[in-house]
């Protein structure tokens, strides 16, 4: 079932905005997000509310600086969770990987104030890798599972989430200190597009592709199909940071060719994720078995 029917009145699914699920998916599945902050110079914006990825690209182009990002404080999480607990609800909240942000630690500290009514999940992922766990929680909620059952199940699935992507440029990763000067300039000269994957909550370069993005994207998806022959066929996300329409269409065609998902959903990365990866980054994310 994909509608909003059959949701528990006693459990609410929430997530940091870094799940990158998009407004339509969020509304359809009654997921409530809590925005992280993006700081451009002296101005602070809320991810998904008053800033768009285009603003990130413009800021970097004009200033040659990356935006800064910030997690909500413990007090802000307490206020966020409190509004639901006061309504008699139990909260299951999802954070971006604790190794990428302090949000999980702050959320856990806030949760202690609510006597077991708030379950906090360190997704050990980001973007729709986190979003896949959020959506799985929604599936389980529709099945009538308890908050504890949902929490236990999503924790057991974290290591099975394929969170990976290939960037068009390493500029943002380089500016953010996530790749060396040698790697950055070498990639520019040789047209190298690394496969960035997530393991134990941290990003690492898994493989290098050489050539134009279209060729690298094809090799990337073929490699995913070869490596992950057993996977949860319920859904897959093709998530990108404002990538060219031709690349997105190619990714969809290749996923349909090599995989058999009930749903292949396209989402655009929000401002937090875009701040770290730059334009034209694209990934195929799903849960493995």
C-alpha atoms as a PDB file:
ATOM      1  CA  UNK A   1       0.000   0.000   0.000  1.00  0.00           C
ATOM      2  CA  UNK A   2       1.320   3.427  -0.900  1.00  0.00           C
ATOM      3  CA  UNK A   3      -1.397   5.729   0.364  1.00  0.00           C
ATOM      4  CA  UNK A   4      -1.762   7.372   3.745  1.00  0.00           C
ATOM      5  CA  UNK A   5      -4.313   4.839   4.979  1.00  0.00           C
ATOM      6  CA  UNK A   6      -3.819   2.440   7.866  1.00  0.00           C
ATOM      7  CA  UNK A   7      -1.264   4.505   9.744  1.00  0.00           C
ATOM      8  CA  UNK A   8      -1.131   4.201  13.503  1.00  0.00           C
ATOM      9  CA  UNK A   9      -2.557   7.153  15.394  1.00  0.00           C
ATOM     10  CA  UNK A  10      -0.088   6.490  18.193  1.00  0.00           C
ATOM     11  CA  UNK A  11       3.243   6.457  16.298  1.00  0.00           C
ATOM     12  CA  UNK A  12       4.800   9.228  14.218  1.00  0.00           C
ATOM     13  CA  UNK A  13       7.775   8.774  11.886  1.00  0.00           C
ATOM     14  CA  UNK A  14      10.128  11.749  11.786  1.00  0.00           C
ATOM     15  CA  UNK A  15      13.510  12.419  10.224  1.00  0.00           C
ATOM     16  CA  UNK A  16      16.175  15.018   9.791  1.00  0.00           C
ATOM     17  CA  UNK A  17      15.766  16.783   6.443  1.00  0.00           C
ATOM     18  CA  UNK A  18      18.852  14.926   5.204  1.00  0.00           C
ATOM     19  CA  UNK A  19      16.668  11.947   4.189  1.00  0.00           C
ATOM     20  CA  UNK A  20      16.076  13.769   0.863  1.00  0.00           C
ATOM     21  CA  UNK A  21      12.681  12.158   0.248  1.00  0.00           C
ATOM     22  CA  UNK A  22      10.947  15.134  -1.347  1.00  0.00           C
ATOM     23  CA  UNK A  23       7.648  16.751  -0.422  1.00  0.00           C
ATOM     24  CA  UNK A  24       5.370  14.387  -2.344  1.00  0.00           C
ATOM     25  CA  UNK A  25       6.830  11.265  -0.716  1.00  0.00           C
ATOM     26  CA  UNK A  26       6.878  12.901   2.704  1.00  0.00           C
ATOM     27  CA  UNK A  27       3.234  13.937   2.518  1.00  0.00           C
ATOM     28  CA  UNK A  28       2.054  10.648   1.060  1.00  0.00           C
ATOM     29  CA  UNK A  29       3.700   8.710   3.870  1.00  0.00           C
ATOM     30  CA  UNK A  30       2.985  11.188   6.678  1.00  0.00           C
ATOM     31  CA  UNK A  31       6.699  11.646   7.427  1.00  0.00           C
ATOM     32  CA  UNK A  32       7.576  14.807   9.323  1.00  0.00           C
ATOM     33  CA  UNK A  33      11.046  16.256   8.802  1.00  0.00           C
ATOM     34  CA  UNK A  34      13.159  18.485  11.012  1.00  0.00           C
ATOM     35  CA  UNK A  35      15.483  20.778   9.039  1.00  0.00           C
ATOM     36  CA  UNK A  36      19.192  21.086   9.572  1.00  0.00           C
ATOM     37  CA  UNK A  37      20.707  24.510   8.956  1.00  0.00           C
ATOM     38  CA  UNK A  38      22.751  25.794   6.036  1.00  0.00           C
ATOM     39  CA  UNK A  39      24.896  28.860   6.679  1.00  0.00           C
ATOM     40  CA  UNK A  40      25.852  31.118   3.767  1.00  0.00           C
ATOM     41  CA  UNK A  41      28.171  33.799   5.052  1.00  0.00           C
ATOM     42  CA  UNK A  42      26.306  35.433   7.933  1.00  0.00           C
ATOM     43  CA  UNK A  43      22.859  34.154   6.973  1.00  0.00           C
ATOM     44  CA  UNK A  44      21.318  30.930   8.257  1.00  0.00           C
ATOM     45  CA  UNK A  45      18.715  28.990   6.289  1.00  0.00           C
ATOM     46  CA  UNK A  46      16.629  25.886   6.980  1.00  0.00           C
ATOM     47  CA  UNK A  47      17.201  22.927   4.659  1.00  0.00           C
ATOM     48  CA  UNK A  48      14.160  22.316   2.475  1.00  0.00           C
ATOM     49  CA  UNK A  49      12.345  25.419   3.701  1.00  0.00           C
ATOM     50  CA  UNK A  50      13.995  28.676   2.643  1.00  0.00           C
ATOM     51  CA  UNK A  51      17.015  27.523   0.636  1.00  0.00           C
ATOM     52  CA  UNK A  52      17.371  25.527  -2.562  1.00  0.00           C
ATOM     53  CA  UNK A  53      20.365  23.697  -4.136  1.00  0.00           C
ATOM     54  CA  UNK A  54      20.615  26.474  -6.746  1.00  0.00           C
ATOM     55  CA  UNK A  55      21.431  28.875  -3.909  1.00  0.00           C
ATOM     56  CA  UNK A  56      24.334  26.610  -2.932  1.00  0.00           C
ATOM     57  CA  UNK A  57      25.768  26.577  -6.458  1.00  0.00           C
ATOM     58  CA  UNK A  58      25.486  30.367  -6.727  1.00  0.00           C
ATOM     59  CA  UNK A  59      27.160  30.912  -3.349  1.00  0.00           C
ATOM     60  CA  UNK A  60      30.104  28.642  -4.129  1.00  0.00           C
ATOM     61  CA  UNK A  61      30.554  30.189  -7.589  1.00  0.00           C
ATOM     62  CA  UNK A  62      30.572  33.729  -6.190  1.00  0.00           C
ATOM     63  CA  UNK A  63      32.607  33.215  -3.010  1.00  0.00           C
ATOM     64  CA  UNK A  64      34.711  30.125  -3.726  1.00  0.00           C
ATOM     65  CA  UNK A  65      33.673  28.945  -0.256  1.00  0.00           C
ATOM     66  CA  UNK A  66      31.498  26.048   0.811  1.00  0.00           C
ATOM     67  CA  UNK A  67      28.424  26.673   2.946  1.00  0.00           C
ATOM     68  CA  UNK A  68      28.577  25.602   6.561  1.00  0.00           C
ATOM     69  CA  UNK A  69      25.978  23.232   7.964  1.00  0.00           C
ATOM     70  CA  UNK A  70      24.644  22.863  11.480  1.00  0.00           C
ATOM     71  CA  UNK A  71      22.504  20.374  13.379  1.00  0.00           C
ATOM     72  CA  UNK A  72      19.606  21.386  15.649  1.00  0.00           C
ATOM     73  CA  UNK A  73      20.480  21.796  19.316  1.00  0.00           C
ATOM     74  CA  UNK A  74      19.339  19.478  22.102  1.00  0.00           C
ATOM     75  CA  UNK A  75      16.751  22.094  23.110  1.00  0.00           C
ATOM     76  CA  UNK A  76      15.417  22.279  19.552  1.00  0.00           C
ATOM     77  CA  UNK A  77      15.081  18.497  19.400  1.00  0.00           C
ATOM     78  CA  UNK A  78      13.306  18.537  22.773  1.00  0.00           C
ATOM     79  CA  UNK A  79      10.807  21.054  21.427  1.00  0.00           C
ATOM     80  CA  UNK A  80      10.359  19.064  18.214  1.00  0.00           C
ATOM     81  CA  UNK A  81       9.783  15.726  19.957  1.00  0.00           C
ATOM     82  CA  UNK A  82       7.723  17.297  22.717  1.00  0.00           C
ATOM     83  CA  UNK A  83       4.949  18.456  20.419  1.00  0.00           C
ATOM     84  CA  UNK A  84       4.211  14.838  19.463  1.00  0.00           C
ATOM     85  CA  UNK A  85       4.648  13.293  22.903  1.00  0.00           C
ATOM     86  CA  UNK A  86       2.160  15.830  24.301  1.00  0.00           C
ATOM     87  CA  UNK A  87      -0.346  14.448  21.772  1.00  0.00           C
ATOM     88  CA  UNK A  88       0.170  10.966  23.215  1.00  0.00           C
ATOM     89  CA  UNK A  89       2.342   9.765  20.332  1.00  0.00           C
ATOM     90  CA  UNK A  90       5.509   7.709  20.286  1.00  0.00           C
ATOM     91  CA  UNK A  91       8.200   9.136  17.977  1.00  0.00           C
ATOM     92  CA  UNK A  92      10.604   7.158  15.779  1.00  0.00           C
ATOM     93  CA  UNK A  93      13.196   9.644  14.542  1.00  0.00           C
ATOM     94  CA  UNK A  94      15.923   9.124  11.940  1.00  0.00           C
ATOM     95  CA  UNK A  95      19.240  10.986  11.838  1.00  0.00           C
ATOM     96  CA  UNK A  96      21.971  11.301   9.263  1.00  0.00           C
ATOM     97  CA  UNK A  97      24.983   9.125  10.191  1.00  0.00           C
ATOM     98  CA  UNK A  98      26.482  10.047  13.544  1.00  0.00           C
ATOM     99  CA  UNK A  99      29.881  10.028  11.823  1.00  0.00           C
ATOM    100  CA  UNK A 100      28.770  12.815   9.490  1.00  0.00           C
ATOM    101  CA  UNK A 101      26.928  15.116  11.898  1.00  0.00           C
ATOM    102  CA  UNK A 102      26.328  15.755  15.572  1.00  0.00           C
ATOM    103  CA  UNK A 103      22.554  15.582  15.084  1.00  0.00           C
ATOM    104  CA  UNK A 104      22.231  12.007  16.348  1.00  0.00           C
ATOM    105  CA  UNK A 105      23.984  12.790  19.612  1.00  0.00           C
ATOM    106  CA  UNK A 106      21.810  15.848  20.195  1.00  0.00           C
ATOM    107  CA  UNK A 107      18.633  13.922  19.322  1.00  0.00           C
ATOM    108  CA  UNK A 108      19.562  11.103  21.697  1.00  0.00           C
ATOM    109  CA  UNK A 109      20.198  13.560  24.511  1.00  0.00           C
ATOM    110  CA  UNK A 110      16.788  15.129  23.905  1.00  0.00           C
ATOM    111  CA  UNK A 111      15.051  11.738  23.727  1.00  0.00           C
ATOM    112  CA  UNK A 112      16.094  10.965  27.318  1.00  0.00           C
ATOM    113  CA  UNK A 113      13.633  13.585  28.502  1.00  0.00           C
ATOM    114  CA  UNK A 114      10.630  11.642  27.245  1.00  0.00           C
ATOM    115  CA  UNK A 115      10.726   8.366  29.156  1.00  0.00           C
ATOM    116  CA  UNK A 116      10.988   5.925  26.279  1.00  0.00           C
ATOM    117  CA  UNK A 117       8.474   7.712  24.053  1.00  0.00           C
ATOM    118  CA  UNK A 118      11.139   8.723  21.512  1.00  0.00           C
ATOM    119  CA  UNK A 119      13.220   6.183  19.587  1.00  0.00           C
ATOM    120  CA  UNK A 120      16.245   7.690  17.811  1.00  0.00           C
ATOM    121  CA  UNK A 121      17.797   5.855  14.856  1.00  0.00           C
ATOM    122  CA  UNK A 122      21.363   6.562  13.773  1.00  0.00           C
ATOM    123  CA  UNK A 123      20.872   5.675  10.097  1.00  0.00           C
ATOM    124  CA  UNK A 124      24.631   5.271   9.497  1.00  0.00           C
ATOM    125  CA  UNK A 125      23.707   6.667   6.075  1.00  0.00           C
ATOM    126  CA  UNK A 126      22.794   9.918   4.401  1.00  0.00           C
ATOM    127  CA  UNK A 127      20.401  11.186   1.746  1.00  0.00           C
ATOM    128  CA  UNK A 128      18.028   8.464   0.545  1.00  0.00           C
ATOM    129  CA  UNK A 129      20.177   5.799   2.183  1.00  0.00           C
ATOM    130  CA  UNK A 130      18.677   7.287   5.325  1.00  0.00           C
ATOM    131  CA  UNK A 131      15.411   7.686   3.424  1.00  0.00           C
ATOM    132  CA  UNK A 132      15.226   3.971   2.648  1.00  0.00           C
ATOM    133  CA  UNK A 133      15.159   3.205   6.374  1.00  0.00           C
ATOM    134  CA  UNK A 134      12.509   5.865   6.925  1.00  0.00           C
ATOM    135  CA  UNK A 135      10.363   4.326   4.189  1.00  0.00           C
ATOM    136  CA  UNK A 136      10.870   0.838   5.632  1.00  0.00           C
ATOM    137  CA  UNK A 137       9.599   2.167   8.960  1.00  0.00           C
ATOM    138  CA  UNK A 138       6.496   3.430   7.163  1.00  0.00           C
ATOM    139  CA  UNK A 139       5.981  -0.017   5.595  1.00  0.00           C
ATOM    140  CA  UNK A 140       6.212  -1.649   9.023  1.00  0.00           C
ATOM    141  CA  UNK A 141       3.869   0.917  10.551  1.00  0.00           C
ATOM    142  CA  UNK A 142       1.257   0.059   7.931  1.00  0.00           C
ATOM    143  CA  UNK A 143       1.690  -3.599   8.852  1.00  0.00           C
ATOM    144  CA  UNK A 144       0.728  -2.772  12.430  1.00  0.00           C
ATOM    145  CA  UNK A 145       4.158  -3.247  14.013  1.00  0.00           C
ATOM    146  CA  UNK A 146       4.883  -1.630  17.380  1.00  0.00           C
ATOM    147  CA  UNK A 147       7.398   1.170  17.816  1.00  0.00           C
ATOM    148  CA  UNK A 148       9.872  -1.241  19.392  1.00  0.00           C
ATOM    149  CA  UNK A 149       9.460  -3.726  16.519  1.00  0.00           C
ATOM    150  CA  UNK A 150       9.970  -0.993  13.937  1.00  0.00           C
ATOM    151  CA  UNK A 151      13.017   0.339  15.752  1.00  0.00           C
ATOM    152  CA  UNK A 152      14.609  -3.104  16.090  1.00  0.00           C
ATOM    153  CA  UNK A 153      13.974  -3.956  12.428  1.00  0.00           C
ATOM    154  CA  UNK A 154      15.408  -0.758  10.967  1.00  0.00           C
ATOM    155  CA  UNK A 155      18.497  -1.073  13.162  1.00  0.00           C
ATOM    156  CA  UNK A 156      19.055  -4.569  11.767  1.00  0.00           C
ATOM    157  CA  UNK A 157      18.796  -3.251   8.201  1.00  0.00           C
ATOM    158  CA  UNK A 158      21.321  -0.429   8.467  1.00  0.00           C
ATOM    159  CA  UNK A 159      24.323  -2.453   7.266  1.00  0.00           C
ATOM    160  CA  UNK A 160      22.281  -3.664   4.285  1.00  0.00           C
ATOM    161  CA  UNK A 161      21.609  -0.222   2.836  1.00  0.00           C
ATOM    162  CA  UNK A 162      23.614   0.538  -0.285  1.00  0.00           C
ATOM    163  CA  UNK A 163      24.455   4.233  -0.028  1.00  0.00           C
ATOM    164  CA  UNK A 164      26.682   5.144  -2.961  1.00  0.00           C
ATOM    165  CA  UNK A 165      27.073   7.783  -5.651  1.00  0.00           C
ATOM    166  CA  UNK A 166      29.423   9.153  -8.261  1.00  0.00           C
ATOM    167  CA  UNK A 167      30.214  12.872  -8.383  1.00  0.00           C
ATOM    168  CA  UNK A 168      30.748  14.782 -11.602  1.00  0.00           C
ATOM    169  CA  UNK A 169      33.397  16.912  -9.915  1.00  0.00           C
ATOM    170  CA  UNK A 170      35.512  16.526  -6.794  1.00  0.00           C
ATOM    171  CA  UNK A 171      35.576  20.279  -6.210  1.00  0.00           C
ATOM    172  CA  UNK A 172      33.126  20.288  -3.322  1.00  0.00           C
ATOM    173  CA  UNK A 173      34.712  17.243  -1.691  1.00  0.00           C
ATOM    174  CA  UNK A 174      38.129  18.872  -2.103  1.00  0.00           C
ATOM    175  CA  UNK A 175      36.973  22.197  -0.670  1.00  0.00           C
ATOM    176  CA  UNK A 176      35.440  20.351   2.254  1.00  0.00           C
ATOM    177  CA  UNK A 177      38.693  18.520   2.996  1.00  0.00           C
ATOM    178  CA  UNK A 178      37.292  15.150   1.922  1.00  0.00           C
ATOM    179  CA  UNK A 179      39.808  14.525  -0.850  1.00  0.00           C
ATOM    180  CA  UNK A 180      43.445  15.468  -1.328  1.00  0.00           C
ATOM    181  CA  UNK A 181      44.861  18.111  -3.648  1.00  0.00           C
ATOM    182  CA  UNK A 182      46.522  15.374  -5.695  1.00  0.00           C
ATOM    183  CA  UNK A 183      43.266  13.436  -6.072  1.00  0.00           C
ATOM    184  CA  UNK A 184      41.325  16.557  -7.010  1.00  0.00           C
ATOM    185  CA  UNK A 185      43.667  17.772  -9.744  1.00  0.00           C
ATOM    186  CA  UNK A 186      44.366  14.240 -10.929  1.00  0.00           C
ATOM    187  CA  UNK A 187      40.639  13.685 -11.355  1.00  0.00           C
ATOM    188  CA  UNK A 188      40.307  16.892 -13.363  1.00  0.00           C
ATOM    189  CA  UNK A 189      43.135  16.015 -15.732  1.00  0.00           C
ATOM    190  CA  UNK A 190      42.226  12.340 -16.203  1.00  0.00           C
ATOM    191  CA  UNK A 191      38.424  12.751 -16.024  1.00  0.00           C
ATOM    192  CA  UNK A 192      38.164  10.431 -13.033  1.00  0.00           C
ATOM    193  CA  UNK A 193      34.816   9.938 -11.309  1.00  0.00           C
ATOM    194  CA  UNK A 194      35.162   7.953  -8.101  1.00  0.00           C
ATOM    195  CA  UNK A 195      32.490   5.674  -6.725  1.00  0.00           C
ATOM    196  CA  UNK A 196      31.864   7.008  -3.211  1.00  0.00           C
ATOM    197  CA  UNK A 197      30.279   4.444  -0.919  1.00  0.00           C
ATOM    198  CA  UNK A 198      29.281   4.300   2.720  1.00  0.00           C
ATOM    199  CA  UNK A 199      30.517   1.727   5.199  1.00  0.00           C
ATOM    200  CA  UNK A 200      30.016   1.793   8.963  1.00  0.00           C
ATOM    201  CA  UNK A 201      28.536   5.262   8.651  1.00  0.00           C
ATOM    202  CA  UNK A 202      31.482   6.798   6.826  1.00  0.00           C
ATOM    203  CA  UNK A 203      32.092   7.720   3.192  1.00  0.00           C
ATOM    204  CA  UNK A 204      35.060   6.248   1.375  1.00  0.00           C
ATOM    205  CA  UNK A 205      36.237   5.975  -2.261  1.00  0.00           C
ATOM    206  CA  UNK A 206      35.487   2.436  -3.408  1.00  0.00           C
ATOM    207  CA  UNK A 207      36.437   2.497  -7.091  1.00  0.00           C
ATOM    208  CA  UNK A 208      37.478   4.879  -9.872  1.00  0.00           C
ATOM    209  CA  UNK A 209      35.781   5.313 -13.239  1.00  0.00           C
ATOM    210  CA  UNK A 210      37.400   7.176 -16.108  1.00  0.00           C
ATOM    211  CA  UNK A 211      35.667   9.063 -18.894  1.00  0.00           C
ATOM    212  CA  UNK A 212      32.526  11.120 -19.371  1.00  0.00           C
ATOM    213  CA  UNK A 213      29.786  10.929 -16.739  1.00  0.00           C
ATOM    214  CA  UNK A 214      27.448   8.949 -19.007  1.00  0.00           C
ATOM    215  CA  UNK A 215      30.025   6.199 -19.441  1.00  0.00           C
ATOM    216  CA  UNK A 216      30.911   6.191 -15.736  1.00  0.00           C
ATOM    217  CA  UNK A 217      27.244   6.050 -14.754  1.00  0.00           C
ATOM    218  CA  UNK A 218      26.725   2.992 -16.941  1.00  0.00           C
ATOM    219  CA  UNK A 219      29.736   1.222 -15.420  1.00  0.00           C
ATOM    220  CA  UNK A 220      28.603   2.169 -11.916  1.00  0.00           C
ATOM    221  CA  UNK A 221      25.117   0.689 -12.303  1.00  0.00           C
ATOM    222  CA  UNK A 222      26.465  -2.429 -14.008  1.00  0.00           C
ATOM    223  CA  UNK A 223      28.859  -2.887 -11.082  1.00  0.00           C
ATOM    224  CA  UNK A 224      26.016  -2.490  -8.583  1.00  0.00           C
ATOM    225  CA  UNK A 225      24.015  -5.168 -10.405  1.00  0.00           C
ATOM    226  CA  UNK A 226      27.006  -7.505 -10.397  1.00  0.00           C
ATOM    227  CA  UNK A 227      27.763  -6.971  -6.707  1.00  0.00           C
ATOM    228  CA  UNK A 228      24.221  -6.999  -5.348  1.00  0.00           C
ATOM    229  CA  UNK A 229      22.334  -9.858  -6.955  1.00  0.00           C
ATOM    230  CA  UNK A 230      20.041 -10.215  -3.935  1.00  0.00           C
ATOM    231  CA  UNK A 231      18.189  -7.103  -2.882  1.00  0.00           C
ATOM    232  CA  UNK A 232      14.919  -5.864  -1.425  1.00  0.00           C
ATOM    233  CA  UNK A 233      12.815  -5.342  -4.545  1.00  0.00           C
ATOM    234  CA  UNK A 234      10.264  -3.027  -2.897  1.00  0.00           C
ATOM    235  CA  UNK A 235      11.938   0.238  -3.895  1.00  0.00           C
ATOM    236  CA  UNK A 236      15.034   1.959  -5.203  1.00  0.00           C
ATOM    237  CA  UNK A 237      15.983   5.611  -5.189  1.00  0.00           C
ATOM    238  CA  UNK A 238      17.786   7.418  -7.977  1.00  0.00           C
ATOM    239  CA  UNK A 239      18.974  10.474  -6.125  1.00  0.00           C
ATOM    240  CA  UNK A 240      20.927  13.336  -7.649  1.00  0.00           C
ATOM    241  CA  UNK A 241      22.080  16.872  -6.956  1.00  0.00           C
ATOM    242  CA  UNK A 242      20.315  18.722  -9.770  1.00  0.00           C
ATOM    243  CA  UNK A 243      21.874  16.406 -12.378  1.00  0.00           C
ATOM    244  CA  UNK A 244      21.373  16.832 -16.112  1.00  0.00           C
ATOM    245  CA  UNK A 245      18.071  15.362 -17.287  1.00  0.00           C
ATOM    246  CA  UNK A 246      19.879  13.088 -19.751  1.00  0.00           C
ATOM    247  CA  UNK A 247      21.917  11.491 -16.952  1.00  0.00           C
ATOM    248  CA  UNK A 248      18.833  10.907 -14.806  1.00  0.00           C
ATOM    249  CA  UNK A 249      16.975   9.339 -17.736  1.00  0.00           C
ATOM    250  CA  UNK A 250      19.964   7.109 -18.448  1.00  0.00           C
ATOM    251  CA  UNK A 251      20.112   6.013 -14.811  1.00  0.00           C
ATOM    252  CA  UNK A 252      16.413   5.095 -14.815  1.00  0.00           C
ATOM    253  CA  UNK A 253      16.787   3.077 -18.015  1.00  0.00           C
ATOM    254  CA  UNK A 254      19.826   1.203 -16.694  1.00  0.00           C
ATOM    255  CA  UNK A 255      18.178   0.444 -13.349  1.00  0.00           C
ATOM    256  CA  UNK A 256      15.145  -0.957 -15.161  1.00  0.00           C
ATOM    257  CA  UNK A 257      17.467  -3.020 -17.350  1.00  0.00           C
ATOM    258  CA  UNK A 258      19.574  -4.540 -14.574  1.00  0.00           C
ATOM    259  CA  UNK A 259      17.183  -4.596 -11.591  1.00  0.00           C
ATOM    260  CA  UNK A 260      13.553  -5.383 -10.876  1.00  0.00           C
ATOM    261  CA  UNK A 261      12.182  -2.953  -8.299  1.00  0.00           C
ATOM    262  CA  UNK A 262       8.484  -2.440  -7.614  1.00  0.00           C
ATOM    263  CA  UNK A 263       9.198   1.277  -7.387  1.00  0.00           C
ATOM    264  CA  UNK A 264      12.071   3.300  -8.814  1.00  0.00           C
ATOM    265  CA  UNK A 265      11.777   6.775  -7.323  1.00  0.00           C
ATOM    266  CA  UNK A 266      13.685   9.878  -8.367  1.00  0.00           C
ATOM    267  CA  UNK A 267      14.607  12.404  -5.688  1.00  0.00           C
ATOM    268  CA  UNK A 268      16.740  15.530  -5.706  1.00  0.00           C
ATOM    269  CA  UNK A 269      19.265  15.982  -2.907  1.00  0.00           C
ATOM    270  CA  UNK A 270      18.520  18.801  -0.516  1.00  0.00           C
ATOM    271  CA  UNK A 271      20.792  21.664   0.411  1.00  0.00           C
ATOM    272  CA  UNK A 272      22.703  19.834   3.170  1.00  0.00           C
ATOM    273  CA  UNK A 273      23.809  16.978   0.920  1.00  0.00           C
ATOM    274  CA  UNK A 274      24.342  19.303  -2.060  1.00  0.00           C
ATOM    275  CA  UNK A 275      26.684  21.416   0.083  1.00  0.00           C
ATOM    276  CA  UNK A 276      29.066  18.463   0.298  1.00  0.00           C
ATOM    277  CA  UNK A 277      28.855  16.832  -3.136  1.00  0.00           C
ATOM    278  CA  UNK A 278      28.157  19.536  -5.734  1.00  0.00           C
ATOM    279  CA  UNK A 279      26.079  19.556  -8.897  1.00  0.00           C
ATOM    280  CA  UNK A 280      25.533  16.493 -11.116  1.00  0.00           C
ATOM    281  CA  UNK A 281      26.294  13.911  -8.432  1.00  0.00           C
ATOM    282  CA  UNK A 282      24.061  10.871  -8.897  1.00  0.00           C
ATOM    283  CA  UNK A 283      23.472   7.668  -6.931  1.00  0.00           C
ATOM    284  CA  UNK A 284      21.370   4.511  -7.002  1.00  0.00           C
ATOM    285  CA  UNK A 285      20.363   3.463  -3.488  1.00  0.00           C
ATOM    286  CA  UNK A 286      18.526   0.375  -2.265  1.00  0.00           C
ATOM    287  CA  UNK A 287      18.455  -2.205   0.512  1.00  0.00           C
ATOM    288  CA  UNK A 288      20.366  -5.419  -0.079  1.00  0.00           C
ATOM    289  CA  UNK A 289      19.711  -8.878   1.333  1.00  0.00           C
END
